[in-house]
Amino acid sequence: MSVLVVAPGRDVSQWVETLKSQHPGMNVYVYPEDHDTEEVEFAITWKHPRGLFKNYPNLKIVASMGAGVDHITSDPEFPEGVKITRVVDEQLTSDLSEFVLALVMNHTRHLSAYKHQEKDSNWNVLKYCRNSDMKIGVMGMGVIGTATAQLLAKNNFKVSGWSRTEKDCEDITSYYGDNSLDDFLQESEILICLLPLTEETNGILNKELFEKLPKGAYVINVGRGEHLEENDLIEMIDSGHLAGAALDVFKEEPLPEDHAFWKHERISITPHTASLTEAESVVPQIVENYERFQDDEELKNLVEQDRGY
């Protein structure tokens, strides 16, 4: 059995080296180098070419190199019956939740606004909001969303979470299901999107949703760029209903140089850097699933493909 690594445009040499050190004797191919497609039963990927995996008749498992799997599940030609796994990594979770906390504090303490004032030598003191007075809503209470909500709660923010099913997290108010979404939004002075990308969540950050947020609310998207209707966000900021937004993910990456977001002073942009996957940290769990597959054991972090996560 051979393993195929597919990550166009990325240097995967460290991945290959770590895979072989974790499991000596593993035969690893890197796409698009020449290889026998019939040998491959296990693939590791990030943003593979659409339709690629249908060419592997013995493929059994595709492992995402990161926490997200929409780059796999969105492939209309993904072969039926092939299992998908995702990464659940404590370091990734910690990195992302700390990044979100930094974005929240950047907004509540007006650091971006002061940076703009700095350009004009403008000494203008802005009133800030204390953590204990700020209501934050986290959309998506999976592993990362829950960790983020918990970190915010530990920093004395009033935190609510919204998810498909009810969650029981200390110091976090749980909203779940479509019927509670409006109530959740009305309590979210800062809205953080950490949803998985599915057919149901595609475009969920739109004008209709924004209108249900309190006037002056702030939006943080660290989920997927496809969650956001970009023109709706600009309209709602320019109208004064939203105070602004911090965006780390975009429909097109890198964000085009002529995109309107770059010049909007109330939109903060970061280049999809909330958390970065490191081979040394996540390869061990992928190798464990490789060995579980060989031993016909249950896989860890298996994706429910009908849900998309």
Protein backbone atom coordinates (compact mmCIF):
# COMPACT_ATOMS: atom_id res chain seq x y z
CA MET A 1 0.00 0.00 0.00
CA SER A 2 1.28 3.46 -0.92
CA VAL A 3 0.44 6.89 0.45
CA LEU A 4 -0.14 9.88 -1.83
CA VAL A 5 0.44 13.47 -0.69
CA VAL A 6 -1.46 16.05 -2.73
CA ALA A 7 -0.99 19.74 -1.93
CA PRO A 8 -0.47 21.80 -5.09
CA GLY A 9 1.73 24.85 -4.60
CA ARG A 10 2.97 23.79 -1.15
CA ASP A 11 6.36 22.45 -0.13
CA VAL A 12 5.49 19.09 1.44
CA SER A 13 9.04 17.85 1.97
CA GLN A 14 8.67 18.18 5.74
CA TRP A 15 5.44 16.18 5.59
CA VAL A 16 7.12 13.37 3.67
CA GLU A 17 10.12 13.34 5.99
CA THR A 18 7.90 13.28 9.09
CA LEU A 19 5.64 10.56 7.68
CA LYS A 20 8.62 8.32 6.98
CA SER A 21 10.20 8.98 10.38
CA GLN A 22 6.92 8.21 12.14
CA HIS A 23 6.36 5.04 10.10
CA PRO A 24 9.61 3.70 8.65
CA GLY A 25 9.08 1.81 5.43
CA MET A 26 6.03 3.83 4.37
CA ASN A 27 6.01 4.33 0.61
CA VAL A 28 5.09 7.94 -0.09
CA TYR A 29 4.37 9.55 -3.44
CA VAL A 30 4.02 13.30 -3.93
CA TYR A 31 1.56 14.43 -6.61
CA PRO A 32 2.18 14.94 -9.52
CA GLU A 33 5.31 12.78 -9.59
CA ASP A 34 5.03 9.56 -11.58
CA HIS A 35 3.39 6.73 -9.62
CA ASP A 36 1.10 3.72 -9.93
CA THR A 37 -2.44 4.87 -9.15
CA GLU A 38 -3.50 1.32 -8.27
CA GLU A 39 -1.00 1.20 -5.38
CA VAL A 40 -2.54 4.16 -3.55
CA GLU A 41 -5.05 3.36 -0.82
CA PHE A 42 -4.39 6.30 1.51
CA ALA A 43 -4.11 9.97 0.49
CA ILE A 44 -3.20 13.11 2.42
CA THR A 45 -4.31 16.37 0.87
CA TRP A 46 -4.92 20.08 0.96
CA LYS A 47 -6.91 21.55 -1.93
CA HIS A 48 -6.44 18.73 -4.41
CA PRO A 49 -7.33 19.23 -8.10
CA ARG A 50 -11.04 18.59 -8.62
CA GLY A 51 -11.76 15.06 -9.80
CA LEU A 52 -8.28 13.76 -9.05
CA PHE A 53 -9.24 10.98 -6.66
CA LYS A 54 -11.61 9.26 -9.08
CA ASN A 55 -8.46 8.05 -10.84
CA TYR A 56 -7.42 5.89 -7.86
CA PRO A 57 -9.41 2.64 -8.00
CA ASN A 58 -8.16 1.29 -4.65
CA LEU A 59 -8.34 4.50 -2.64
CA LYS A 60 -9.95 3.97 0.77
CA ILE A 61 -9.11 7.05 2.87
CA VAL A 62 -8.39 10.73 2.23
CA ALA A 63 -6.94 12.61 5.18
CA SER A 64 -7.14 16.40 5.30
CA MET A 65 -3.89 18.11 6.23
CA GLY A 66 -5.85 20.59 8.34
CA ALA A 67 -8.98 20.99 10.42
CA GLY A 68 -11.16 21.93 7.45
CA VAL A 69 -12.50 19.34 5.02
CA ASP A 70 -14.66 21.44 2.69
CA HIS A 71 -11.83 21.45 0.16
CA ILE A 72 -12.46 17.69 -0.09
CA THR A 73 -16.22 17.43 0.35
CA SER A 74 -16.87 20.17 -2.22
CA ASP A 75 -15.38 18.03 -5.00
CA PRO A 76 -18.41 16.87 -7.04
CA GLU A 77 -16.37 13.94 -8.39
CA PHE A 78 -15.11 12.68 -5.04
CA PRO A 79 -15.44 8.88 -5.19
CA GLU A 80 -18.30 7.30 -3.29
CA GLY A 81 -17.34 5.10 -0.37
CA VAL A 82 -13.96 6.73 0.31
CA LYS A 83 -13.64 7.85 3.95
CA ILE A 84 -12.46 11.31 4.96
CA THR A 85 -10.61 12.26 8.14
CA ARG A 86 -9.75 15.65 9.55
CA VAL A 87 -7.11 17.01 11.90
CA VAL A 88 -7.93 17.72 15.53
CA ASP A 89 -4.83 19.30 17.02
CA GLU A 90 -4.49 21.01 20.39
CA GLN A 91 -1.83 23.41 19.09
CA LEU A 92 -3.97 24.47 16.12
CA THR A 93 -6.94 24.96 18.43
CA SER A 94 -4.91 27.01 20.88
CA ASP A 95 -3.35 29.12 18.14
CA LEU A 96 -6.70 29.95 16.58
CA SER A 97 -8.53 30.74 19.81
CA GLU A 98 -5.70 33.07 20.91
CA PHE A 99 -5.80 34.76 17.52
CA VAL A 100 -9.53 35.40 17.89
CA LEU A 101 -9.00 36.83 21.38
CA ALA A 102 -6.41 39.21 19.89
CA LEU A 103 -8.90 40.32 17.21
CA VAL A 104 -11.57 40.90 19.83
CA MET A 105 -9.25 42.99 22.01
CA ASN A 106 -8.02 44.89 18.97
CA HIS A 107 -11.62 45.94 18.36
CA THR A 108 -12.73 46.64 21.93
CA ARG A 109 -9.61 48.71 22.68
CA HIS A 110 -9.73 50.52 19.29
CA LEU A 111 -6.19 49.60 18.27
CA SER A 112 -6.99 49.65 14.54
CA ALA A 113 -8.73 53.02 14.92
CA TYR A 114 -5.69 54.44 16.69
CA LYS A 115 -3.47 53.16 13.87
CA HIS A 116 -5.57 55.14 11.40
CA GLN A 117 -5.41 58.23 13.65
CA GLU A 118 -1.65 57.85 13.83
CA LYS A 119 -1.36 58.53 10.09
CA ASP A 120 -2.94 61.98 10.64
CA SER A 121 -1.15 62.74 13.93
CA ASN A 122 -4.63 62.74 15.48
CA TRP A 123 -4.66 62.56 19.30
CA ASN A 124 -8.24 61.47 19.96
CA VAL A 125 -9.06 59.28 22.97
CA LEU A 126 -11.81 56.74 22.28
CA LYS A 127 -13.95 55.24 25.01
CA TYR A 128 -13.40 51.50 25.25
CA CYS A 129 -15.67 48.72 26.44
CA ARG A 130 -14.61 46.51 29.34
CA ASN A 131 -14.60 42.77 28.74
CA SER A 132 -17.31 42.11 31.32
CA ASP A 133 -19.68 44.47 29.51
CA MET A 134 -19.25 42.96 26.04
CA LYS A 135 -21.51 40.22 24.65
CA ILE A 136 -19.83 37.87 22.19
CA GLY A 137 -21.51 35.21 20.04
CA VAL A 138 -19.59 32.27 18.59
CA MET A 139 -21.20 30.58 15.59
CA GLY A 140 -20.03 26.98 15.42
CA MET A 141 -19.34 25.14 18.65
CA GLY A 142 -17.12 22.33 17.43
CA VAL A 143 -13.71 21.65 18.97
CA ILE A 144 -12.22 24.99 17.91
CA GLY A 145 -15.38 27.04 18.48
CA THR A 146 -15.82 25.64 21.98
CA ALA A 147 -12.19 26.31 22.87
CA THR A 148 -12.49 29.86 21.55
CA ALA A 149 -15.69 30.50 23.51
CA GLN A 150 -14.08 29.13 26.67
CA LEU A 151 -11.00 31.33 26.29
CA LEU A 152 -13.20 34.40 25.81
CA ALA A 153 -15.25 33.47 28.88
CA LYS A 154 -12.05 33.10 30.92
CA ASN A 155 -11.24 36.66 29.92
CA ASN A 156 -14.54 37.81 31.42
CA PHE A 157 -16.53 38.32 28.23
CA LYS A 158 -20.20 37.37 28.22
CA VAL A 159 -20.21 34.52 25.70
CA SER A 160 -22.95 32.71 23.81
CA GLY A 161 -22.54 29.85 21.36
CA TRP A 162 -24.77 28.76 18.50
CA SER A 163 -24.62 25.29 16.99
CA ARG A 164 -26.70 22.64 15.29
CA THR A 165 -27.19 20.72 18.54
CA GLU A 166 -27.20 21.83 22.16
CA LYS A 167 -23.83 22.17 23.90
CA ASP A 168 -23.17 22.15 27.62
CA CYS A 169 -20.21 24.44 28.33
CA GLU A 170 -19.63 26.15 31.65
CA ASP A 171 -20.07 29.95 31.56
CA ILE A 172 -21.34 29.85 27.96
CA THR A 173 -24.99 30.28 27.00
CA SER A 174 -26.00 27.66 24.44
CA TYR A 175 -28.28 28.39 21.52
CA TYR A 176 -28.95 25.66 19.00
CA GLY A 177 -31.01 25.02 15.91
CA ASP A 178 -32.60 27.44 13.45
CA ASN A 179 -35.34 28.46 15.88
CA SER A 180 -32.86 30.04 18.31
CA LEU A 181 -30.63 31.80 15.77
CA ASP A 182 -32.42 35.15 15.95
CA ASP A 183 -32.20 35.23 19.76
CA PHE A 184 -28.50 34.38 19.56
CA LEU A 185 -27.81 37.14 17.05
CA GLN A 186 -29.63 39.76 19.13
CA GLU A 187 -27.20 38.99 21.98
CA SER A 188 -24.04 39.21 19.83
CA GLU A 189 -22.27 42.57 19.93
CA ILE A 190 -19.29 40.77 18.44
CA LEU A 191 -20.12 37.89 16.12
CA ILE A 192 -17.43 35.25 15.48
CA CYS A 193 -17.92 32.74 12.67
CA LEU A 194 -16.26 29.36 13.22
CA LEU A 195 -18.80 27.26 11.35
CA PRO A 196 -17.88 24.38 9.07
CA LEU A 197 -18.59 25.11 5.42
CA THR A 198 -21.63 23.16 4.24
CA GLU A 199 -24.50 23.77 1.82
CA GLU A 200 -26.48 25.19 4.75
CA THR A 201 -23.74 27.58 5.96
CA ASN A 202 -22.54 28.81 2.56
CA GLY A 203 -23.35 32.54 2.44
CA ILE A 204 -24.80 32.58 5.98
CA LEU A 205 -23.06 35.88 6.80
CA ASN A 206 -25.38 38.02 4.72
CA LYS A 207 -27.45 41.19 4.97
CA GLU A 208 -30.47 39.40 6.44
CA LEU A 209 -28.34 37.99 9.25
CA PHE A 210 -26.43 41.24 9.84
CA GLU A 211 -29.68 43.16 10.26
CA LYS A 212 -30.52 40.95 13.25
CA LEU A 213 -27.33 41.91 15.07
CA PRO A 214 -27.36 44.90 17.45
CA LYS A 215 -26.52 48.23 15.82
CA GLY A 216 -22.78 48.75 16.04
CA ALA A 217 -21.96 45.02 16.11
CA TYR A 218 -18.57 43.78 14.89
CA VAL A 219 -18.02 40.70 12.73
CA ILE A 220 -15.03 38.33 12.85
CA ASN A 221 -14.79 35.59 10.22
CA VAL A 222 -12.18 32.89 10.78
CA GLY A 223 -14.34 30.13 9.31
CA ARG A 224 -14.31 30.08 5.51
CA GLY A 225 -14.48 32.87 2.95
CA GLU A 226 -17.57 31.28 1.40
CA HIS A 227 -19.51 31.96 4.60
CA LEU A 228 -19.49 35.68 3.81
CA GLU A 229 -21.49 37.64 1.25
CA GLU A 230 -18.84 40.29 0.70
CA ASN A 231 -20.97 43.07 -0.79
CA ASP A 232 -23.53 42.68 2.01
CA LEU A 233 -20.79 43.23 4.59
CA ILE A 234 -19.57 46.43 2.93
CA GLU A 235 -23.14 47.72 2.61
CA MET A 236 -23.92 47.09 6.27
CA ILE A 237 -20.69 48.72 7.46
CA ASP A 238 -21.17 51.76 5.22
CA SER A 239 -24.77 52.14 6.41
CA GLY A 240 -23.54 52.32 10.00
CA HIS A 241 -25.30 49.19 11.18
CA LEU A 242 -22.03 47.30 11.62
CA ALA A 243 -18.99 48.89 13.25
CA GLY A 244 -16.59 46.89 11.10
CA ALA A 245 -15.10 43.46 10.57
CA ALA A 246 -11.94 41.41 10.92
CA LEU A 247 -11.48 38.84 8.15
CA ASP A 248 -8.91 36.06 7.96
CA VAL A 249 -10.52 33.96 5.20
CA PHE A 250 -11.75 34.90 1.74
CA LYS A 251 -13.54 33.42 -1.26
CA GLU A 252 -10.43 34.00 -3.34
CA GLU A 253 -7.00 33.64 -1.76
CA PRO A 254 -4.71 35.48 -1.99
CA LEU A 255 -7.18 38.35 -1.87
CA PRO A 256 -6.94 40.21 -5.22
CA GLU A 257 -5.01 43.47 -5.06
CA ASP A 258 -7.98 45.45 -6.39
CA HIS A 259 -10.47 44.03 -3.89
CA ALA A 260 -12.58 46.62 -2.06
CA PHE A 261 -11.68 45.15 1.34
CA TRP A 262 -8.08 46.38 1.12
CA LYS A 263 -9.01 50.07 1.15
CA HIS A 264 -11.90 49.91 3.62
CA GLU A 265 -10.61 51.41 6.85
CA ARG A 266 -13.12 49.54 9.00
CA ILE A 267 -12.20 46.12 7.65
CA SER A 268 -9.07 44.46 9.03
CA ILE A 269 -7.44 41.82 6.83
CA THR A 270 -5.08 39.00 7.77
CA PRO A 271 -3.81 36.43 5.22
CA HIS A 272 -5.49 33.24 6.48
CA THR A 273 -3.04 33.03 9.34
CA ALA A 274 -5.22 32.36 12.39
CA SER A 275 -3.56 28.95 12.76
CA LEU A 276 -0.92 27.24 10.65
CA THR A 277 -0.62 23.47 10.40
CA GLU A 278 2.81 22.05 11.22
CA ALA A 279 3.71 18.58 10.04
CA GLU A 280 5.44 17.60 13.29
CA SER A 281 2.28 18.36 15.24
CA VAL A 282 -0.36 16.64 13.08
CA VAL A 283 1.41 13.83 11.24
CA PRO A 284 1.33 11.49 14.28
CA GLN A 285 -2.48 11.34 14.22
CA ILE A 286 -2.50 10.77 10.47
CA VAL A 287 0.02 7.95 10.85
CA GLU A 288 -2.11 6.50 13.66
CA ASN A 289 -5.09 6.36 11.28
CA TYR A 290 -2.86 4.83 8.59
CA GLU A 291 -1.95 2.07 11.04
CA ARG A 292 -5.55 1.71 12.22
CA PHE A 293 -6.59 1.25 8.60
CA GLN A 294 -3.96 -1.44 8.11
CA ASP A 295 -5.20 -3.23 11.23
CA ASP A 296 -8.87 -2.82 10.22
CA GLU A 297 -9.60 -0.68 13.29
CA GLU A 298 -11.96 2.28 13.68
CA LEU A 299 -10.52 5.55 12.39
CA LYS A 300 -10.14 8.66 14.55
CA ASN A 301 -11.56 12.07 13.54
CA LEU A 302 -13.73 10.53 10.85
CA VAL A 303 -15.88 13.02 8.91
CA GLU A 304 -19.65 12.49 8.63
CA GLN A 305 -19.89 13.26 4.95
CA ASP A 306 -23.66 13.79 4.94
CA ARG A 307 -23.07 16.69 7.36
CA GLY A 308 -19.88 17.92 5.74
CA TYR A 309 -17.78 17.88 8.93
